[in-house]
């Protein structure tokens, strides 16, 4: 029995460092899942701002930022590309502008900042050889079970 425990410990000692050096996380969401949720938050953020539901817009912006943080944490590199650094470089300006627009409750500033965020997303896609993924300002919502109007 003691030999089995020692054998398992040796195997784990050999495997775990190899997994840590892997380009992909051993535990956590895949980059595709993070980006799919990011796209959902992007869409909901737009409709909240378009309806002047500033509380919901602030919430969705916070959730969007959490997704960016997850991409940075779980994917500092992906397929040999510095995904985490690209997110760090491209998102703070537009998300800061969005936060300011939401706090000011300015539809005009919100739309401009949202378009800057959308451009930043597309810039990352271009930089990671995923230029075939083009994000747009949403025109319709698949969330027929959610009101984006302010409940106040």
C-alpha atoms as a PDB file:
ATOM      1  CA  UNK A   1       0.000   0.000   0.000  1.00  0.00           C
ATOM      2  CA  UNK A   2       2.828   2.377   0.876  1.00  0.00           C
ATOM      3  CA  UNK A   3       4.397   1.762  -2.556  1.00  0.00           C
ATOM      4  CA  UNK A   4       1.144   2.769  -4.284  1.00  0.00           C
ATOM      5  CA  UNK A   5       0.986   6.051  -2.366  1.00  0.00           C
ATOM      6  CA  UNK A   6       4.604   6.824  -3.213  1.00  0.00           C
ATOM      7  CA  UNK A   7       3.998   5.954  -6.884  1.00  0.00           C
ATOM      8  CA  UNK A   8       0.939   8.234  -7.053  1.00  0.00           C
ATOM      9  CA  UNK A   9       2.862  11.048  -5.363  1.00  0.00           C
ATOM     10  CA  UNK A  10       5.714  10.706  -7.871  1.00  0.00           C
ATOM     11  CA  UNK A  11       3.332  10.734 -10.828  1.00  0.00           C
ATOM     12  CA  UNK A  12       1.564  13.841  -9.503  1.00  0.00           C
ATOM     13  CA  UNK A  13       4.898  15.537  -8.850  1.00  0.00           C
ATOM     14  CA  UNK A  14       5.863  14.907 -12.482  1.00  0.00           C
ATOM     15  CA  UNK A  15       2.510  15.811 -14.054  1.00  0.00           C
ATOM     16  CA  UNK A  16       1.444  18.922 -12.134  1.00  0.00           C
ATOM     17  CA  UNK A  17       4.445  21.115 -13.067  1.00  0.00           C
ATOM     18  CA  UNK A  18       4.030  20.071 -16.702  1.00  0.00           C
ATOM     19  CA  UNK A  19       0.359  21.115 -16.568  1.00  0.00           C
ATOM     20  CA  UNK A  20       1.315  24.452 -14.989  1.00  0.00           C
ATOM     21  CA  UNK A  21       3.618  25.201 -17.912  1.00  0.00           C
ATOM     22  CA  UNK A  22       0.896  24.380 -20.444  1.00  0.00           C
ATOM     23  CA  UNK A  23      -0.501  27.220 -22.529  1.00  0.00           C
ATOM     24  CA  UNK A  24      -4.040  26.407 -21.381  1.00  0.00           C
ATOM     25  CA  UNK A  25      -5.427  26.407 -17.850  1.00  0.00           C
ATOM     26  CA  UNK A  26      -5.920  23.048 -16.193  1.00  0.00           C
ATOM     27  CA  UNK A  27      -9.012  24.353 -14.404  1.00  0.00           C
ATOM     28  CA  UNK A  28     -11.324  27.093 -15.539  1.00  0.00           C
ATOM     29  CA  UNK A  29     -13.233  28.228 -18.576  1.00  0.00           C
ATOM     30  CA  UNK A  30     -11.888  28.065 -22.097  1.00  0.00           C
ATOM     31  CA  UNK A  31     -11.152  31.292 -23.942  1.00  0.00           C
ATOM     32  CA  UNK A  32     -14.118  30.642 -26.240  1.00  0.00           C
ATOM     33  CA  UNK A  33     -16.470  30.443 -23.262  1.00  0.00           C
ATOM     34  CA  UNK A  34     -15.073  33.660 -21.804  1.00  0.00           C
ATOM     35  CA  UNK A  35     -15.471  35.419 -25.150  1.00  0.00           C
ATOM     36  CA  UNK A  36     -19.022  34.130 -25.627  1.00  0.00           C
ATOM     37  CA  UNK A  37     -19.992  35.553 -22.241  1.00  0.00           C
ATOM     38  CA  UNK A  38     -18.150  38.760 -23.131  1.00  0.00           C
ATOM     39  CA  UNK A  39     -20.224  39.060 -26.294  1.00  0.00           C
ATOM     40  CA  UNK A  40     -23.420  38.541 -24.282  1.00  0.00           C
ATOM     41  CA  UNK A  41     -22.392  41.251 -21.794  1.00  0.00           C
ATOM     42  CA  UNK A  42     -21.456  43.575 -24.666  1.00  0.00           C
ATOM     43  CA  UNK A  43     -24.944  43.133 -26.131  1.00  0.00           C
ATOM     44  CA  UNK A  44     -26.733  43.614 -22.811  1.00  0.00           C
ATOM     45  CA  UNK A  45     -24.591  46.655 -22.035  1.00  0.00           C
ATOM     46  CA  UNK A  46     -25.680  48.248 -25.304  1.00  0.00           C
ATOM     47  CA  UNK A  47     -29.378  47.696 -24.725  1.00  0.00           C
ATOM     48  CA  UNK A  48     -29.183  48.907 -21.129  1.00  0.00           C
ATOM     49  CA  UNK A  49     -27.459  52.116 -22.220  1.00  0.00           C
ATOM     50  CA  UNK A  50     -29.760  52.611 -25.196  1.00  0.00           C
ATOM     51  CA  UNK A  51     -32.735  52.410 -22.825  1.00  0.00           C
ATOM     52  CA  UNK A  52     -30.994  54.739 -20.324  1.00  0.00           C
ATOM     53  CA  UNK A  53     -31.089  52.044 -17.680  1.00  0.00           C
ATOM     54  CA  UNK A  54     -27.881  53.289 -16.101  1.00  0.00           C
ATOM     55  CA  UNK A  55     -28.008  50.873 -13.153  1.00  0.00           C
ATOM     56  CA  UNK A  56     -28.182  47.892 -15.499  1.00  0.00           C
ATOM     57  CA  UNK A  57     -25.516  49.408 -17.754  1.00  0.00           C
ATOM     58  CA  UNK A  58     -23.174  49.818 -14.768  1.00  0.00           C
ATOM     59  CA  UNK A  59     -23.861  46.224 -13.738  1.00  0.00           C
ATOM     60  CA  UNK A  60     -23.191  44.862 -17.226  1.00  0.00           C
ATOM     61  CA  UNK A  61     -20.009  46.924 -17.531  1.00  0.00           C
ATOM     62  CA  UNK A  62     -18.783  45.442 -14.244  1.00  0.00           C
ATOM     63  CA  UNK A  63     -19.606  41.937 -15.470  1.00  0.00           C
ATOM     64  CA  UNK A  64     -17.843  42.667 -18.755  1.00  0.00           C
ATOM     65  CA  UNK A  65     -14.750  43.766 -16.830  1.00  0.00           C
ATOM     66  CA  UNK A  66     -14.826  40.528 -14.831  1.00  0.00           C
ATOM     67  CA  UNK A  67     -14.745  38.642 -18.137  1.00  0.00           C
ATOM     68  CA  UNK A  68     -11.745  40.658 -19.297  1.00  0.00           C
ATOM     69  CA  UNK A  69     -10.057  39.924 -15.963  1.00  0.00           C
ATOM     70  CA  UNK A  70     -10.721  36.203 -16.476  1.00  0.00           C
ATOM     71  CA  UNK A  71      -9.199  36.328 -19.958  1.00  0.00           C
ATOM     72  CA  UNK A  72      -6.097  37.997 -18.509  1.00  0.00           C
ATOM     73  CA  UNK A  73      -5.883  35.522 -15.622  1.00  0.00           C
ATOM     74  CA  UNK A  74      -6.525  32.299 -17.502  1.00  0.00           C
ATOM     75  CA  UNK A  75      -4.982  33.200 -20.868  1.00  0.00           C
ATOM     76  CA  UNK A  76      -1.873  35.337 -20.520  1.00  0.00           C
ATOM     77  CA  UNK A  77      -0.923  33.537 -23.735  1.00  0.00           C
ATOM     78  CA  UNK A  78      -3.055  31.527 -26.101  1.00  0.00           C
ATOM     79  CA  UNK A  79      -1.731  29.787 -29.197  1.00  0.00           C
ATOM     80  CA  UNK A  80       1.565  31.564 -28.533  1.00  0.00           C
ATOM     81  CA  UNK A  81      -0.017  35.031 -28.587  1.00  0.00           C
ATOM     82  CA  UNK A  82      -0.075  37.499 -25.641  1.00  0.00           C
ATOM     83  CA  UNK A  83      -3.865  37.565 -25.245  1.00  0.00           C
ATOM     84  CA  UNK A  84      -3.764  38.777 -21.652  1.00  0.00           C
ATOM     85  CA  UNK A  85      -1.524  41.711 -22.511  1.00  0.00           C
ATOM     86  CA  UNK A  86      -3.672  42.613 -25.503  1.00  0.00           C
ATOM     87  CA  UNK A  87      -6.744  42.764 -23.264  1.00  0.00           C
ATOM     88  CA  UNK A  88      -4.785  44.879 -20.753  1.00  0.00           C
ATOM     89  CA  UNK A  89      -3.661  47.232 -23.527  1.00  0.00           C
ATOM     90  CA  UNK A  90      -6.979  47.614 -25.364  1.00  0.00           C
ATOM     91  CA  UNK A  91      -9.788  47.647 -22.817  1.00  0.00           C
ATOM     92  CA  UNK A  92      -9.026  50.187 -20.038  1.00  0.00           C
ATOM     93  CA  UNK A  93      -9.608  53.297 -22.182  1.00  0.00           C
ATOM     94  CA  UNK A  94     -12.986  52.262 -23.584  1.00  0.00           C
ATOM     95  CA  UNK A  95     -14.224  50.757 -20.305  1.00  0.00           C
ATOM     96  CA  UNK A  96     -13.144  53.887 -18.424  1.00  0.00           C
ATOM     97  CA  UNK A  97     -14.985  56.031 -20.958  1.00  0.00           C
ATOM     98  CA  UNK A  98     -18.059  53.834 -20.600  1.00  0.00           C
ATOM     99  CA  UNK A  99     -17.976  54.112 -16.828  1.00  0.00           C
ATOM    100  CA  UNK A 100     -17.767  57.912 -17.087  1.00  0.00           C
ATOM    101  CA  UNK A 101     -20.619  58.021 -19.624  1.00  0.00           C
ATOM    102  CA  UNK A 102     -22.806  55.825 -17.414  1.00  0.00           C
ATOM    103  CA  UNK A 103     -22.064  57.938 -14.342  1.00  0.00           C
ATOM    104  CA  UNK A 104     -22.882  61.082 -16.365  1.00  0.00           C
ATOM    105  CA  UNK A 105     -26.021  59.388 -17.709  1.00  0.00           C
ATOM    106  CA  UNK A 106     -25.060  60.622 -21.160  1.00  0.00           C
ATOM    107  CA  UNK A 107     -26.501  58.666 -24.086  1.00  0.00           C
ATOM    108  CA  UNK A 108     -24.191  60.471 -26.534  1.00  0.00           C
ATOM    109  CA  UNK A 109     -21.023  59.737 -24.560  1.00  0.00           C
ATOM    110  CA  UNK A 110     -22.229  56.196 -23.916  1.00  0.00           C
ATOM    111  CA  UNK A 111     -22.692  55.461 -27.636  1.00  0.00           C
ATOM    112  CA  UNK A 112     -19.261  56.876 -28.504  1.00  0.00           C
ATOM    113  CA  UNK A 113     -17.543  54.918 -25.720  1.00  0.00           C
ATOM    114  CA  UNK A 114     -19.427  51.759 -26.653  1.00  0.00           C
ATOM    115  CA  UNK A 115     -18.256  52.077 -30.249  1.00  0.00           C
ATOM    116  CA  UNK A 116     -14.659  52.506 -28.992  1.00  0.00           C
ATOM    117  CA  UNK A 117     -15.023  49.318 -26.955  1.00  0.00           C
ATOM    118  CA  UNK A 118     -16.383  47.493 -29.993  1.00  0.00           C
ATOM    119  CA  UNK A 119     -13.412  48.692 -32.054  1.00  0.00           C
ATOM    120  CA  UNK A 120     -11.048  47.500 -29.303  1.00  0.00           C
ATOM    121  CA  UNK A 121     -12.639  44.043 -29.394  1.00  0.00           C
ATOM    122  CA  UNK A 122     -12.171  43.874 -33.150  1.00  0.00           C
ATOM    123  CA  UNK A 123      -8.579  45.082 -32.815  1.00  0.00           C
ATOM    124  CA  UNK A 124      -7.809  42.163 -30.487  1.00  0.00           C
ATOM    125  CA  UNK A 125      -9.482  39.749 -32.883  1.00  0.00           C
ATOM    126  CA  UNK A 126      -7.336  41.086 -35.729  1.00  0.00           C
ATOM    127  CA  UNK A 127      -4.198  40.812 -33.603  1.00  0.00           C
ATOM    128  CA  UNK A 128      -4.876  37.184 -32.718  1.00  0.00           C
ATOM    129  CA  UNK A 129      -5.620  36.039 -36.277  1.00  0.00           C
ATOM    130  CA  UNK A 130      -9.338  35.924 -35.468  1.00  0.00           C
ATOM    131  CA  UNK A 131     -10.281  38.849 -37.690  1.00  0.00           C
ATOM    132  CA  UNK A 132     -13.134  36.741 -39.001  1.00  0.00           C
ATOM    133  CA  UNK A 133     -14.862  37.449 -35.652  1.00  0.00           C
ATOM    134  CA  UNK A 134     -16.298  40.928 -36.142  1.00  0.00           C
ATOM    135  CA  UNK A 135     -18.282  42.470 -33.308  1.00  0.00           C
ATOM    136  CA  UNK A 136     -20.932  45.081 -34.116  1.00  0.00           C
ATOM    137  CA  UNK A 137     -23.257  47.396 -32.257  1.00  0.00           C
ATOM    138  CA  UNK A 138     -26.267  45.150 -31.554  1.00  0.00           C
ATOM    139  CA  UNK A 139     -29.472  45.776 -33.496  1.00  0.00           C
ATOM    140  CA  UNK A 140     -31.788  43.273 -31.812  1.00  0.00           C
ATOM    141  CA  UNK A 141     -31.814  41.327 -28.590  1.00  0.00           C
ATOM    142  CA  UNK A 142     -32.146  37.564 -28.297  1.00  0.00           C
ATOM    143  CA  UNK A 143     -33.228  38.154 -24.689  1.00  0.00           C
ATOM    144  CA  UNK A 144     -36.960  38.427 -25.128  1.00  0.00           C
ATOM    145  CA  UNK A 145     -37.362  37.537 -21.463  1.00  0.00           C
ATOM    146  CA  UNK A 146     -35.532  40.625 -20.168  1.00  0.00           C
ATOM    147  CA  UNK A 147     -36.586  44.254 -20.144  1.00  0.00           C
ATOM    148  CA  UNK A 148     -33.721  46.665 -20.617  1.00  0.00           C
ATOM    149  CA  UNK A 149     -35.844  49.689 -19.665  1.00  0.00           C
ATOM    150  CA  UNK A 150     -35.237  51.170 -16.276  1.00  0.00           C
ATOM    151  CA  UNK A 151     -37.567  49.841 -13.612  1.00  0.00           C
ATOM    152  CA  UNK A 152     -37.438  53.179 -11.803  1.00  0.00           C
END
